[in-house]
N, C-alpha and C. Protein backbone atom coordinates (compact mmCIF):
# COMPACT_ATOMS: atom_id res chain seq x y z
N GLN A 1 40.56 16.91 4.13
CA GLN A 1 41.65 16.54 4.61
C GLN A 1 41.35 14.88 3.53
N VAL A 2 42.80 14.15 3.75
CA VAL A 2 43.06 13.39 3.21
C VAL A 2 43.31 11.52 4.38
N GLN A 3 41.76 10.80 4.18
CA GLN A 3 42.53 10.21 4.28
C GLN A 3 43.15 9.16 3.89
N LEU A 4 44.86 8.01 4.37
CA LEU A 4 45.17 7.30 3.81
C LEU A 4 45.66 5.85 4.17
N VAL A 5 45.29 5.02 3.28
CA VAL A 5 45.74 3.47 4.09
C VAL A 5 47.15 2.55 2.60
N GLU A 6 48.05 2.85 4.45
CA GLU A 6 48.83 1.63 3.39
C GLU A 6 48.90 0.56 3.40
N SER A 7 49.78 -0.17 2.60
CA SER A 7 49.73 -1.89 2.54
C SER A 7 51.00 -2.16 1.40
N GLY A 8 51.25 -3.66 1.96
CA GLY A 8 51.92 -4.47 1.07
C GLY A 8 53.77 -4.49 1.34
N GLY A 9 53.80 -3.43 2.73
CA GLY A 9 55.05 -3.97 3.22
C GLY A 9 55.74 -5.87 4.43
N GLY A 10 55.99 -5.52 4.50
CA GLY A 10 57.00 -7.11 4.85
C GLY A 10 57.84 -7.37 5.03
N LEU A 11 58.81 -8.83 5.41
CA LEU A 11 59.78 -8.89 5.27
C LEU A 11 60.78 -9.52 3.84
N VAL A 12 61.73 -9.32 3.35
CA VAL A 12 62.17 -9.81 2.39
C VAL A 12 63.69 -9.62 2.81
N GLN A 13 64.11 -10.99 1.30
CA GLN A 13 66.01 -10.62 1.91
C GLN A 13 66.19 -9.46 0.72
N ALA A 14 67.29 -9.34 0.55
CA ALA A 14 67.90 -7.77 0.15
C ALA A 14 68.17 -9.10 -1.55
N GLY A 15 68.42 -7.78 -2.52
CA GLY A 15 67.88 -7.98 -3.53
C GLY A 15 66.23 -8.76 -4.24
N GLY A 16 65.64 -8.65 -3.38
CA GLY A 16 64.05 -8.58 -3.81
C GLY A 16 63.17 -7.60 -4.03
N SER A 17 61.92 -7.60 -3.87
CA SER A 17 60.68 -6.52 -4.07
C SER A 17 59.88 -6.86 -3.07
N LEU A 18 59.31 -6.23 -3.30
CA LEU A 18 57.87 -4.93 -2.95
C LEU A 18 57.06 -3.99 -3.48
N ARG A 19 56.05 -4.40 -2.97
CA ARG A 19 55.37 -3.14 -4.05
C ARG A 19 54.08 -3.04 -2.80
N LEU A 20 54.30 -1.34 -2.74
CA LEU A 20 53.08 -0.91 -1.44
C LEU A 20 52.27 -0.43 -2.25
N SER A 21 51.41 -0.42 -2.09
CA SER A 21 49.84 0.16 -1.81
C SER A 21 49.61 1.35 -1.11
N CYS A 22 48.95 2.53 -1.79
CA CYS A 22 48.03 3.23 -0.80
C CYS A 22 47.08 3.75 -0.86
N VAL A 23 45.39 3.46 -0.71
CA VAL A 23 44.09 4.08 -1.02
C VAL A 23 44.08 5.29 -0.19
N ALA A 24 42.99 6.25 -1.06
CA ALA A 24 42.99 7.71 -0.05
C ALA A 24 41.32 7.98 -0.69
N SER A 25 41.40 8.60 0.77
CA SER A 25 40.08 8.95 0.87
C SER A 25 39.41 10.17 1.09
N GLY A 26 38.62 10.89 0.82
CA GLY A 26 38.66 12.12 1.79
C GLY A 26 38.55 13.54 0.08
N ARG A 27 39.59 14.48 0.85
CA ARG A 27 40.21 15.14 -0.58
C ARG A 27 40.21 14.58 -1.85
N THR A 28 40.19 15.40 -2.94
CA THR A 28 40.15 14.81 -4.42
C THR A 28 41.48 14.44 -4.75
N PHE A 29 41.40 13.22 -4.57
CA PHE A 29 42.87 12.68 -4.70
C PHE A 29 43.51 13.44 -6.27
N SER A 30 42.70 13.33 -7.08
CA SER A 30 43.87 13.43 -8.41
C SER A 30 44.48 14.42 -8.87
N SER A 31 43.95 15.44 -7.85
CA SER A 31 44.71 17.62 -7.43
C SER A 31 45.22 17.63 -6.72
N TYR A 32 46.51 16.20 -6.38
CA TYR A 32 47.68 17.09 -5.68
C TYR A 32 48.83 15.97 -6.23
N PRO A 33 49.75 16.33 -5.40
CA PRO A 33 50.87 15.27 -5.94
C PRO A 33 50.98 14.34 -4.78
N MET A 34 51.84 13.17 -4.89
CA MET A 34 51.49 12.08 -3.48
C MET A 34 53.14 11.52 -3.63
N GLY A 35 53.61 11.17 -2.72
CA GLY A 35 54.72 10.68 -1.81
C GLY A 35 54.63 9.48 -1.48
N TRP A 36 55.98 8.95 -1.37
CA TRP A 36 56.18 8.02 -0.28
C TRP A 36 57.58 8.82 0.30
N LEU A 37 57.36 8.68 1.88
CA LEU A 37 58.75 8.67 2.89
C LEU A 37 58.52 7.42 3.84
N ARG A 38 60.25 7.55 4.22
CA ARG A 38 60.10 6.16 5.03
C ARG A 38 60.76 6.73 6.19
N GLN A 39 60.97 6.70 8.14
CA GLN A 39 61.92 6.45 8.30
C GLN A 39 62.15 4.93 9.50
N ALA A 40 63.73 5.34 9.30
CA ALA A 40 64.14 4.74 9.59
C ALA A 40 64.34 3.98 11.55
N PRO A 41 64.18 3.35 12.39
CA PRO A 41 64.51 3.74 13.85
C PRO A 41 65.56 4.33 13.77
N GLY A 42 65.22 5.61 15.02
CA GLY A 42 66.08 6.45 15.69
C GLY A 42 66.74 7.49 14.44
N LYS A 43 66.31 7.38 13.49
CA LYS A 43 66.53 8.39 11.87
C LYS A 43 65.44 9.49 11.94
N GLU A 44 64.91 10.03 11.23
CA GLU A 44 64.21 11.39 10.97
C GLU A 44 63.22 10.60 9.92
N ARG A 45 62.01 11.54 8.96
CA ARG A 45 61.50 10.97 8.41
C ARG A 45 62.54 10.90 7.05
N ASP A 46 62.60 10.37 5.89
CA ASP A 46 63.39 11.51 5.00
C ASP A 46 62.33 10.37 3.21
N PHE A 47 62.60 11.54 2.95
CA PHE A 47 61.85 11.70 0.94
C PHE A 47 62.00 9.92 0.57
N VAL A 48 61.65 9.52 -0.02
CA VAL A 48 61.68 8.49 -0.87
C VAL A 48 61.60 8.59 -2.35
N ALA A 49 60.17 9.20 -3.34
CA ALA A 49 59.27 9.57 -4.00
C ALA A 49 58.33 10.16 -3.84
N ALA A 50 58.11 10.86 -4.90
CA ALA A 50 57.10 11.38 -5.40
C ALA A 50 56.07 11.43 -6.97
N ILE A 51 55.16 11.93 -7.28
CA ILE A 51 54.88 12.40 -8.10
C ILE A 51 53.61 12.87 -8.47
N SER A 52 53.39 13.72 -9.50
CA SER A 52 53.00 14.75 -9.58
C SER A 52 51.17 14.67 -9.51
N TRP A 53 50.65 15.18 -9.18
CA TRP A 53 49.02 15.01 -9.72
C TRP A 53 48.30 14.14 -10.71
N SER A 54 49.32 15.08 -11.87
CA SER A 54 48.97 14.26 -13.35
C SER A 54 49.51 13.13 -13.74
N GLY A 55 50.68 12.82 -12.50
CA GLY A 55 51.56 11.07 -12.77
C GLY A 55 52.54 11.57 -13.79
N LEU A 56 53.21 12.72 -14.57
CA LEU A 56 53.89 12.97 -15.45
C LEU A 56 55.30 13.52 -15.18
N ARG A 57 55.41 13.88 -13.48
CA ARG A 57 56.86 13.93 -12.91
C ARG A 57 56.05 13.15 -12.13
N THR A 58 57.68 12.73 -12.05
CA THR A 58 58.25 11.84 -10.59
C THR A 58 59.60 12.63 -10.13
N LEU A 59 59.22 12.55 -9.06
CA LEU A 59 61.02 12.53 -8.07
C LEU A 59 61.33 11.89 -7.38
N TYR A 60 62.75 11.12 -7.24
CA TYR A 60 63.52 10.24 -6.50
C TYR A 60 64.24 10.34 -5.81
N ALA A 61 64.56 10.48 -4.47
CA ALA A 61 65.98 10.05 -3.64
C ALA A 61 67.30 9.67 -4.21
N ASP A 62 68.62 10.69 -4.68
CA ASP A 62 69.42 9.78 -5.40
C ASP A 62 69.56 7.77 -4.57
N SER A 63 68.88 8.11 -3.01
CA SER A 63 69.75 6.36 -2.60
C SER A 63 68.28 5.50 -3.11
N VAL A 64 67.33 5.98 -4.00
CA VAL A 64 66.35 4.74 -4.49
C VAL A 64 66.38 4.60 -6.18
N LYS A 65 66.97 6.02 -6.34
CA LYS A 65 67.03 6.39 -8.39
C LYS A 65 67.43 4.91 -9.09
N GLY A 66 66.81 4.43 -9.76
CA GLY A 66 66.76 2.94 -10.49
C GLY A 66 66.34 2.41 -10.53
N ARG A 67 65.65 1.91 -8.78
CA ARG A 67 65.19 0.78 -8.57
C ARG A 67 64.08 0.77 -7.75
N PHE A 68 63.43 2.02 -7.26
CA PHE A 68 61.99 1.69 -6.81
C PHE A 68 61.09 2.79 -7.93
N THR A 69 59.92 2.53 -7.90
CA THR A 69 58.48 3.54 -8.98
C THR A 69 57.90 3.56 -8.32
N ILE A 70 57.20 4.56 -8.52
CA ILE A 70 56.08 5.88 -8.26
C ILE A 70 54.89 5.34 -9.47
N SER A 71 53.96 4.98 -9.15
CA SER A 71 52.91 5.87 -9.76
C SER A 71 51.89 5.86 -9.34
N ARG A 72 50.15 6.91 -9.79
CA ARG A 72 49.43 6.63 -9.58
C ARG A 72 48.46 5.94 -10.14
N ASP A 73 47.43 5.80 -10.09
CA ASP A 73 46.01 5.51 -10.45
C ASP A 73 45.17 6.55 -10.31
N ASN A 74 44.89 7.41 -11.15
CA ASN A 74 43.63 8.58 -9.67
C ASN A 74 41.90 8.31 -9.79
N ALA A 75 41.99 7.52 -11.09
CA ALA A 75 40.49 7.00 -11.38
C ALA A 75 40.36 5.73 -10.10
N LYS A 76 41.93 5.14 -9.11
CA LYS A 76 41.13 3.79 -8.02
C LYS A 76 41.41 4.99 -6.89
N ASN A 77 42.24 6.03 -7.10
CA ASN A 77 42.36 6.53 -5.79
C ASN A 77 43.96 6.21 -5.13
N THR A 78 44.48 5.18 -5.83
CA THR A 78 46.12 4.36 -5.70
C THR A 78 47.04 5.44 -5.53
N VAL A 79 48.32 5.19 -4.94
CA VAL A 79 49.25 5.39 -5.24
C VAL A 79 49.99 4.05 -4.61
N THR A 80 51.36 4.28 -5.62
CA THR A 80 51.75 3.17 -5.63
C THR A 80 52.98 3.03 -5.62
N LEU A 81 53.90 2.07 -4.34
CA LEU A 81 56.10 1.99 -5.10
C LEU A 81 56.16 0.62 -5.06
N GLN A 82 56.89 0.60 -6.44
CA GLN A 82 57.51 -0.36 -6.62
C GLN A 82 58.83 -0.02 -6.27
N MET A 83 59.85 -1.39 -5.44
CA MET A 83 60.81 -1.56 -4.90
C MET A 83 61.19 -2.41 -5.35
N ASN A 84 61.98 -2.12 -6.10
CA ASN A 84 63.11 -3.91 -6.09
C ASN A 84 64.87 -3.92 -6.10
N SER A 85 65.34 -4.57 -6.02
CA SER A 85 66.99 -4.70 -6.01
C SER A 85 66.71 -3.87 -4.04
N LEU A 86 66.13 -4.69 -3.31
CA LEU A 86 66.20 -3.56 -2.16
C LEU A 86 67.35 -4.45 -0.94
N LYS A 87 67.94 -3.18 -0.47
CA LYS A 87 68.48 -3.11 -0.02
C LYS A 87 68.59 -3.41 2.05
N PRO A 88 69.64 -4.14 2.97
CA PRO A 88 69.19 -3.69 4.13
C PRO A 88 68.70 -2.47 4.53
N GLU A 89 69.35 -1.15 3.99
CA GLU A 89 69.23 -0.07 4.46
C GLU A 89 67.73 0.32 3.88
N ASP A 90 67.16 -0.48 3.52
CA ASP A 90 65.72 0.17 3.07
C ASP A 90 65.24 -0.05 3.95
N THR A 91 65.62 -0.84 4.90
CA THR A 91 64.57 -1.28 6.02
C THR A 91 64.37 -0.27 6.51
N ALA A 92 62.59 0.19 7.04
CA ALA A 92 61.87 1.30 7.68
C ALA A 92 60.34 1.58 7.58
N VAL A 93 59.86 1.98 7.76
CA VAL A 93 58.45 2.16 7.68
C VAL A 93 57.83 3.23 6.86
N TYR A 94 57.32 2.38 5.86
CA TYR A 94 57.57 3.56 4.96
C TYR A 94 55.61 4.41 4.95
N TYR A 95 55.86 5.54 4.64
CA TYR A 95 54.38 5.98 4.46
C TYR A 95 54.16 6.74 3.34
N CYS A 96 52.74 6.56 3.47
CA CYS A 96 52.17 7.59 2.27
C CYS A 96 52.13 9.19 2.48
N ALA A 97 52.01 10.06 1.65
CA ALA A 97 51.69 10.75 1.83
C ALA A 97 51.34 12.11 1.10
N ALA A 98 50.19 12.75 0.84
CA ALA A 98 49.09 13.75 0.27
C ALA A 98 50.36 14.88 0.15
N GLY A 99 50.97 16.08 -1.12
CA GLY A 99 50.86 17.34 -1.22
C GLY A 99 50.35 17.85 -0.25
N LEU A 100 50.34 19.44 0.27
CA LEU A 100 49.50 20.07 0.82
C LEU A 100 49.40 21.12 -0.19
N ARG A 101 50.53 21.07 -1.75
CA ARG A 101 49.36 22.35 -2.53
C ARG A 101 50.09 21.71 -4.46
N PRO A 102 48.51 21.68 -4.97
CA PRO A 102 48.87 20.88 -5.84
C PRO A 102 49.33 21.09 -7.06
N ASP A 103 50.49 22.29 -6.82
CA ASP A 103 51.42 23.00 -7.93
C ASP A 103 52.49 22.31 -7.53
N LYS A 104 53.00 22.31 -6.22
CA LYS A 104 53.77 21.96 -5.45
C LYS A 104 53.82 20.98 -6.34
N LEU A 105 55.14 19.95 -6.53
CA LEU A 105 55.72 18.54 -6.46
C LEU A 105 57.49 18.48 -5.46
N GLY A 106 56.49 18.67 -3.85
CA GLY A 106 58.50 18.71 -3.40
C GLY A 106 59.39 17.52 -2.55
N LEU A 107 60.25 17.48 -1.79
CA LEU A 107 60.54 16.39 -1.58
C LEU A 107 61.56 17.41 -0.03
N SER A 108 60.43 18.45 0.34
CA SER A 108 60.42 17.88 1.45
C SER A 108 59.79 17.62 2.51
N THR A 109 59.66 16.57 3.88
CA THR A 109 58.46 16.31 4.52
C THR A 109 57.56 17.54 5.20
N ALA A 110 58.12 18.85 4.82
CA ALA A 110 57.47 20.15 4.99
C ALA A 110 56.66 19.70 3.90
N ASP A 111 56.40 19.49 3.04
CA ASP A 111 55.71 19.50 1.23
C ASP A 111 54.09 18.66 1.31
N PHE A 112 54.50 17.70 2.24
CA PHE A 112 53.27 16.85 2.55
C PHE A 112 52.36 17.41 4.04
N GLY A 113 50.87 17.21 3.81
CA GLY A 113 50.42 17.59 4.66
C GLY A 113 50.32 16.35 5.62
N SER A 114 49.14 15.37 4.96
CA SER A 114 47.97 13.80 5.29
C SER A 114 49.13 12.41 5.26
N TRP A 115 48.92 12.30 6.41
CA TRP A 115 49.78 10.97 6.22
C TRP A 115 49.22 9.83 6.32
N GLY A 116 49.81 8.42 5.92
CA GLY A 116 48.85 7.32 6.49
C GLY A 116 49.80 6.84 7.53
N GLN A 117 49.79 5.36 7.73
CA GLN A 117 49.94 5.22 9.52
C GLN A 117 51.06 4.47 9.32
N GLY A 118 51.36 4.03 7.70
CA GLY A 118 52.97 3.40 7.93
C GLY A 118 52.64 2.46 7.78
N THR A 119 53.87 1.25 6.83
CA THR A 119 54.15 0.37 6.87
C THR A 119 55.18 -0.08 7.21
N GLN A 120 55.36 -1.20 7.99
CA GLN A 120 56.96 -1.75 8.04
C GLN A 120 57.25 -2.88 6.85
N VAL A 121 58.73 -2.34 6.21
CA VAL A 121 59.62 -3.24 5.15
C VAL A 121 60.79 -3.70 6.64
N THR A 122 60.80 -4.22 5.92
CA THR A 122 61.91 -5.02 6.48
C THR A 122 62.66 -6.35 5.18
N VAL A 123 64.21 -5.45 5.12
CA VAL A 123 65.12 -6.15 4.26
C VAL A 123 65.82 -7.26 5.07
N SER A 124 65.93 -7.89 5.13
CA SER A 124 67.10 -9.19 4.77
C SER A 124 68.48 -9.31 4.73
N SER A 125 70.22 -9.13 5.17
CA SER A 125 71.15 -9.95 4.65
C SER A 125 71.54 -10.86 4.38
């Protein structure tokens, strides 16, 4: 089992930037893919971005491509999500999540097992 703690959320105006961080402890962090997902009020949890255990492969939801960047530092057990050109529709609780299988970089909530507590991102228009 892995424990995940997110930070970096907040309130920002449209067009602004935020950087989310997630620190992992417990299970070997560097062996598994990591991801970010988000849940807006009244909606299901949606995939945002994922990164392979090596950091060499990334996946993004179409809605954030070109604006968000996921990265990881295995030496520090951290994964980050740099969010630029934020839009009001990016408003959601953002969750860091650990992949279930070392060899699968997925983009479904079913591909992730351990979850953080979430951090709120609010983008005002």
